[in-house]
Amino acid sequence: VQLQASGGGPVQAGGSLRLSCVASGYSHDIATMGWYRQAPGQERALVAFVHSSGRTKYADSVQGRFTISRDNAKNTAYLQMNSLKPEDSAVYYCYAIYGAYSRTDWGQGTLVTVSS
């Protein structure tokens, strides 16, 4: 699966951004789509994911501020990020888990910079 992420950029604290992740290729059997993020000097950490069943999971740090959704017809996942904080600044990576062997593929990162 090829994943194309977009939607990052600079934003002021309290603002909003929406990230998109479009899947192509072996995209008819994607179980899970989601986002990780990595800030400088830190490990990559889960932000949120959405399963094909509709089940979602969020990191505690974004619960209530971020919303992940998925349009299966468009093979696209979205991450709506509201009330952004400077500590949300990071490179955001989308990923997909698919196929009979639960393979994971990653998209290129998209940079989110939140200024105070």
Protein backbone atom coordinates (compact mmCIF):
# COMPACT_ATOMS: atom_id res chain seq x y z
CA VAL A 1 0.00 0.00 0.00
CA GLN A 2 1.22 3.47 -0.87
CA LEU A 3 0.22 6.20 1.56
CA GLN A 4 0.21 9.90 0.77
CA ALA A 5 -0.11 12.23 3.73
CA SER A 6 -0.93 15.91 3.56
CA GLY A 7 -2.33 18.78 5.56
CA GLY A 8 0.50 19.71 7.86
CA GLY A 9 1.86 23.20 8.26
CA PRO A 10 2.32 26.06 10.71
CA VAL A 11 -0.51 27.05 13.00
CA GLN A 12 -0.89 29.11 16.15
CA ALA A 13 -1.76 27.55 19.46
CA GLY A 14 -5.49 27.02 19.74
CA GLY A 15 -5.85 26.60 16.01
CA SER A 16 -6.86 23.61 13.93
CA LEU A 17 -5.48 21.48 11.13
CA ARG A 18 -6.79 18.48 9.26
CA LEU A 19 -4.41 15.82 8.06
CA SER A 20 -5.31 13.46 5.25
CA CYS A 21 -3.83 10.10 4.32
CA VAL A 22 -4.77 8.55 0.99
CA ALA A 23 -4.06 4.87 0.40
CA SER A 24 -3.48 3.36 -3.01
CA GLY A 25 -2.31 0.03 -4.34
CA TYR A 26 -3.43 -2.92 -2.20
CA SER A 27 -6.05 -0.73 -0.57
CA HIS A 28 -9.10 -2.98 -0.60
CA ASP A 29 -8.18 -4.91 2.53
CA ILE A 30 -6.97 -2.28 4.98
CA ALA A 31 -7.88 -3.15 8.52
CA THR A 32 -6.45 -0.16 10.32
CA MET A 33 -5.34 3.35 9.40
CA GLY A 34 -3.82 5.76 11.81
CA TRP A 35 -1.21 8.30 12.75
CA TYR A 36 1.97 8.37 14.74
CA ARG A 37 4.02 11.45 15.45
CA GLN A 38 7.64 12.11 16.25
CA ALA A 39 9.04 15.27 17.76
CA PRO A 40 12.76 16.07 17.66
CA GLY A 41 14.68 13.91 20.12
CA GLN A 42 11.65 11.81 20.94
CA GLU A 43 10.45 8.40 19.91
CA ARG A 44 7.62 7.92 17.46
CA ALA A 45 4.38 7.67 19.38
CA LEU A 46 0.84 6.65 18.50
CA VAL A 47 -1.62 9.49 18.04
CA ALA A 48 -4.77 7.70 16.92
CA PHE A 49 -6.05 4.89 14.77
CA VAL A 50 -9.35 3.80 13.27
CA HIS A 51 -10.22 0.21 12.49
CA SER A 52 -12.42 -0.83 9.56
CA SER A 53 -15.07 -1.69 12.17
CA GLY A 54 -15.14 1.95 13.21
CA ARG A 55 -13.35 1.43 16.48
CA THR A 56 -10.98 4.23 17.33
CA LYS A 57 -8.20 4.76 19.83
CA TYR A 58 -6.45 7.95 20.88
CA ALA A 59 -3.39 8.83 22.85
CA ASP A 60 -4.33 10.37 26.19
CA SER A 61 -2.61 13.58 25.21
CA VAL A 62 -4.95 14.20 22.26
CA GLN A 63 -8.18 12.69 23.58
CA GLY A 64 -10.97 15.20 23.22
CA ARG A 65 -9.02 17.44 20.86
CA PHE A 66 -8.28 15.20 17.90
CA THR A 67 -10.76 13.16 15.88
CA ILE A 68 -9.80 10.42 13.47
CA SER A 69 -12.16 9.32 10.73
CA ARG A 70 -12.06 7.22 7.65
CA ASP A 71 -13.74 7.26 4.25
CA ASN A 72 -13.44 3.70 3.00
CA ALA A 73 -14.81 4.60 -0.43
CA LYS A 74 -11.92 7.03 -0.87
CA ASN A 75 -9.36 4.91 1.00
CA THR A 76 -8.62 7.98 3.04
CA ALA A 77 -8.13 8.62 6.73
CA TYR A 78 -8.44 12.04 8.29
CA LEU A 79 -7.10 13.46 11.51
CA GLN A 80 -8.93 16.57 12.63
CA MET A 81 -6.76 18.37 15.15
CA ASN A 82 -8.35 21.11 17.23
CA SER A 83 -7.10 23.20 20.14
CA LEU A 84 -3.55 22.60 19.04
CA LYS A 85 -0.75 23.10 21.53
CA PRO A 86 2.96 23.72 20.98
CA GLU A 87 3.64 20.23 22.29
CA ASP A 88 1.67 18.84 19.35
CA SER A 89 4.46 20.01 17.06
CA ALA A 90 5.96 16.97 15.35
CA VAL A 91 6.24 15.10 12.10
CA TYR A 92 3.03 13.12 11.69
CA TYR A 93 3.21 9.77 9.91
CA CYS A 94 0.20 7.88 8.66
CA TYR A 95 0.21 4.11 8.51
CA ALA A 96 -1.99 1.27 7.37
CA ILE A 97 -2.28 -2.34 8.46
CA TYR A 98 -3.65 -4.60 5.76
CA GLY A 99 -3.84 -8.01 4.23
CA ALA A 100 -3.96 -11.52 5.60
CA TYR A 101 -0.58 -11.10 7.30
CA SER A 102 -1.29 -7.69 8.84
CA ARG A 103 1.47 -5.95 6.99
CA THR A 104 2.19 -2.35 7.99
CA ASP A 105 3.15 0.37 5.54
CA TRP A 106 3.99 3.98 6.27
CA GLY A 107 3.48 7.23 4.46
CA GLN A 108 5.92 10.07 4.33
CA GLY A 109 5.69 12.44 7.25
CA THR A 110 3.92 15.75 7.28
CA LEU A 111 5.24 18.45 9.58
CA VAL A 112 2.95 20.21 12.05
CA THR A 113 4.38 23.26 13.80
CA VAL A 114 2.32 24.92 16.53
CA SER A 115 3.55 28.29 17.73
CA SER A 116 2.63 29.84 21.06
